[in-house]
Protein backbone atom coordinates (compact mmCIF):
# COMPACT_ATOMS: atom_id res chain seq x y z
CA MET A 1 16.89 110.19 32.79
CA SER A 2 13.86 110.37 35.04
CA LEU A 3 10.63 108.46 34.72
CA SER A 4 7.32 110.23 34.95
CA THR A 5 4.70 109.24 37.48
CA ARG A 6 2.48 107.99 34.66
CA VAL A 7 5.16 105.63 33.36
CA ILE A 8 5.77 104.25 36.85
CA ALA A 9 2.02 103.75 37.40
CA ALA A 10 1.67 102.02 34.03
CA VAL A 11 4.56 99.66 34.76
CA GLY A 12 3.04 98.90 38.18
CA ALA A 13 -0.33 98.14 36.61
CA VAL A 14 1.28 95.75 34.11
CA VAL A 15 3.04 93.92 36.96
CA VAL A 16 -0.21 93.59 38.97
CA ILE A 17 -2.21 92.39 35.96
CA GLY A 18 0.56 89.94 35.03
CA ALA A 19 0.65 88.50 38.56
CA GLY A 20 -3.12 88.08 38.54
CA THR A 21 -2.96 86.35 35.17
CA VAL A 22 -0.29 83.93 36.37
CA GLY A 23 -2.30 83.15 39.54
CA GLY A 24 -5.46 82.55 37.50
CA SER A 25 -3.54 80.41 35.02
CA ILE A 26 -2.17 78.23 37.80
CA ALA A 27 -5.68 77.75 39.23
CA TYR A 28 -7.00 76.89 35.78
CA ALA A 29 -4.13 74.49 35.07
CA THR A 30 -4.80 72.57 38.28
CA GLY A 31 -8.48 72.17 37.48
CA GLN A 32 -9.63 74.86 39.90
CA THR A 33 -12.01 77.52 38.65
CA ALA A 34 -10.65 79.96 41.23
CA PRO A 35 -8.27 79.82 44.17
CA SER A 36 -9.99 78.22 47.17
CA ASP A 37 -10.62 80.25 50.27
CA HIS A 38 -10.84 77.10 52.40
CA ARG A 39 -7.32 75.79 52.89
CA ALA A 40 -5.24 74.60 55.79
CA THR A 41 -1.46 74.50 55.99
CA LEU A 42 0.70 72.23 58.10
CA THR A 43 4.11 73.66 58.96
CA VAL A 44 6.88 71.32 60.12
CA GLY A 45 10.19 73.01 60.82
CA THR A 46 10.79 75.21 57.78
CA SER A 47 8.61 73.30 55.31
CA SER A 48 4.87 73.43 54.79
CA THR A 49 2.10 71.40 53.16
CA GLU A 50 -1.17 72.96 52.05
CA ALA A 51 -4.46 71.13 51.48
CA GLU A 52 -8.05 71.64 50.45
CA PRO A 53 -10.67 70.29 52.89
CA PHE A 54 -10.88 66.51 53.04
CA CYS A 55 -14.58 66.89 53.80
CA PHE A 56 -16.58 69.98 52.85
CA ASN A 57 -20.27 70.63 52.19
CA ASP A 58 -20.05 73.81 50.09
CA GLY A 59 -20.12 76.09 53.14
CA LYS A 60 -23.02 74.32 54.88
CA PRO A 61 -22.59 72.26 58.06
CA LEU A 62 -21.75 68.60 57.52
CA THR A 63 -24.54 66.25 58.57
CA ASP A 64 -23.85 63.60 61.20
CA GLN A 65 -23.73 60.97 58.43
CA GLN A 66 -21.28 63.06 56.39
CA GLN A 67 -19.07 63.43 59.47
CA GLU A 68 -19.07 59.66 60.05
CA ASP A 69 -18.32 59.00 56.38
CA CYS A 70 -15.52 61.56 56.54
CA GLN A 71 -13.88 59.83 59.51
CA ASP A 72 -14.15 56.46 57.78
CA LYS A 73 -12.60 57.83 54.56
CA ALA A 74 -9.84 59.54 56.55
CA SER A 75 -8.99 56.35 58.43
CA LYS A 76 -8.74 54.44 55.15
CA ALA A 77 -6.70 57.23 53.52
CA LEU A 78 -4.32 57.22 56.52
CA ASP A 79 -3.85 53.45 56.24
CA GLU A 80 -3.18 53.78 52.50
CA GLY A 81 -0.86 56.78 52.90
CA ARG A 82 -3.05 59.09 50.78
CA LEU A 83 -3.28 62.03 53.19
CA PRO A 84 -1.10 65.11 52.73
CA LYS A 85 2.00 64.24 54.71
CA SER A 86 5.20 65.55 56.09
CA ASP A 87 8.21 63.90 57.67
CA VAL A 88 8.98 65.02 61.20
CA VAL A 89 11.64 64.43 63.84
CA ALA A 90 10.97 64.94 67.53
CA SER A 91 13.11 68.10 67.59
CA ASP A 92 11.00 69.82 64.89
CA ARG A 93 8.33 72.37 65.71
CA ILE A 94 4.88 72.06 64.14
CA GLY A 95 1.99 74.44 63.56
CA VAL A 96 -1.22 74.71 61.58
CA GLY A 97 -2.58 77.67 59.66
CA VAL A 98 -5.90 78.38 57.95
CA THR A 99 -7.17 80.97 55.50
CA PRO A 100 -8.93 84.08 56.84
CA THR A 101 -12.29 82.71 55.64
CA VAL A 102 -11.87 79.68 57.90
CA SER A 103 -10.53 81.70 60.85
CA ASP A 104 -13.46 84.14 60.65
CA ARG A 105 -15.91 81.30 61.38
CA GLY A 106 -13.68 79.52 63.87
CA TRP A 107 -11.49 76.42 63.92
CA TRP A 108 -9.56 74.01 66.07
CA ALA A 109 -6.78 71.50 65.48
CA ASN A 110 -5.37 68.51 67.33
CA THR A 111 -3.26 65.41 66.86
CA ASN A 112 -3.91 61.81 67.87
CA GLY A 113 -0.64 61.96 69.77
CA GLY A 114 0.45 63.43 73.05
CA GLN A 115 0.50 62.16 76.58
CA THR A 116 -1.93 59.52 77.76
CA SER A 117 -3.00 61.88 80.54
CA GLN A 118 -4.31 64.18 77.78
CA GLY A 119 -6.45 61.36 76.39
CA GLY A 120 -3.93 60.61 73.66
CA ARG A 121 -4.57 63.97 72.00
CA PHE A 122 -2.56 67.12 71.71
CA ILE A 123 -4.40 70.39 71.09
CA LEU A 124 -2.70 72.60 68.48
CA ALA A 125 -5.46 75.25 68.34
CA SER A 126 -8.51 75.42 70.57
CA SER A 127 -11.61 77.19 69.26
CA ALA A 128 -9.51 79.81 67.54
CA LYS A 129 -11.64 82.53 65.96
CA GLY A 130 -9.96 85.28 64.02
CA SER A 131 -6.52 83.69 64.41
CA THR A 132 -5.03 82.14 61.29
CA PHE A 133 -2.11 80.27 62.89
CA SER A 134 -1.83 77.90 65.84
CA GLY A 135 1.74 78.81 66.70
CA MET A 136 4.69 76.44 66.68
CA VAL A 137 4.89 73.67 69.28
CA PRO A 138 7.52 71.00 69.86
CA ALA A 139 6.69 67.95 67.76
CA SER A 140 7.83 65.69 70.60
CA LYS A 141 4.72 66.72 72.58
CA ALA A 142 2.27 66.06 69.73
CA LEU A 143 3.47 62.79 68.17
CA ASN A 144 2.10 59.33 68.90
CA ALA A 145 4.15 56.16 69.30
CA SER A 146 2.99 54.50 66.04
CA GLY A 147 5.19 56.65 63.81
CA LYS A 148 2.09 57.95 61.97
CA THR A 149 0.44 60.89 63.70
CA LEU A 150 -2.86 62.21 62.36
CA ILE A 151 -3.50 65.95 62.53
CA THR A 152 -7.14 66.99 62.32
CA VAL A 153 -8.17 70.57 61.52
CA VAL A 154 -11.86 71.44 61.85
CA GLU A 155 -13.75 74.53 60.75
CA ALA A 156 -16.51 75.06 63.33
CA ASP A 157 -18.17 78.01 65.01
CA PRO A 158 -17.21 77.96 68.73
CA LYS A 159 -20.79 78.99 69.57
CA GLN A 160 -22.15 75.95 67.66
CA PRO A 161 -19.52 73.21 68.21
CA ASP A 162 -21.70 70.53 66.60
CA ALA A 163 -21.87 72.50 63.34
CA ILE A 164 -18.75 71.38 61.45
CA TYR A 165 -18.16 73.06 58.09
CA GLY A 166 -14.90 71.57 56.92
CA VAL A 167 -12.32 68.97 57.97
CA TRP A 168 -8.68 68.63 56.92
CA TYR A 169 -6.35 65.76 57.75
CA PHE A 170 -2.56 65.65 57.60
CA GLN A 171 -0.19 62.82 58.38
CA LEU A 172 3.10 63.22 60.20
CA ASN A 173 5.63 60.45 59.59
CA THR A 174 8.11 60.26 62.44
CA LYS A 175 11.71 59.84 61.30
CA ASP A 176 14.86 59.25 63.34
CA ALA A 177 16.93 62.38 63.84
C-alpha cells in the first residue's frame, strides 16, 4: 500500500499544528502569554537551567537606578538561594547560551570567581554579538572559594556598553567530586 503525497502532507500538517498547540498550551499553563524571546541558559556538564531575565525593562535600556535596584535584589536573592541554580564540581565544564534575539543585540557573561589576578572575575563571553553560546570552559577556572558562584549574563549593545537591556543571574553551588 502506498500513501499519496496529499496524505503525507496532511499528516505532516497535523503534526506541526499539534506541536504548536502543545507549545502554546505549555506557555499558557505557566502563565506566559507567549514563549519569551529573552532567555538565558546555563549549562553545567550535561544538564542545563533556563531562566527569564532577572531584570528587564520591556526592551528598553535599564536606567541607572533600575540597574542598582537589580544588583541589590540579586544579592538578596543569592543570599536567600532564590536564583536559578545548578550544582557543579570542579571537573565539570560550564557554558552560557542566549536566544537569538539577545545575541542579535549583543551580550556578555562572567562569574564572580576566577583568579585574583583577573580581579576575581572569569569572563565566559565577552561582547558576543551574533553568537548564542559562550562555549564550554572548565568550572575550576570560573568558581570562587565561597562555594556559591554567581554567574551574570547581560544583554547590552557592544557599541553602547552603558545601555543594558536585560540581566540574568545564576548560582553555581560547588559540590565535592
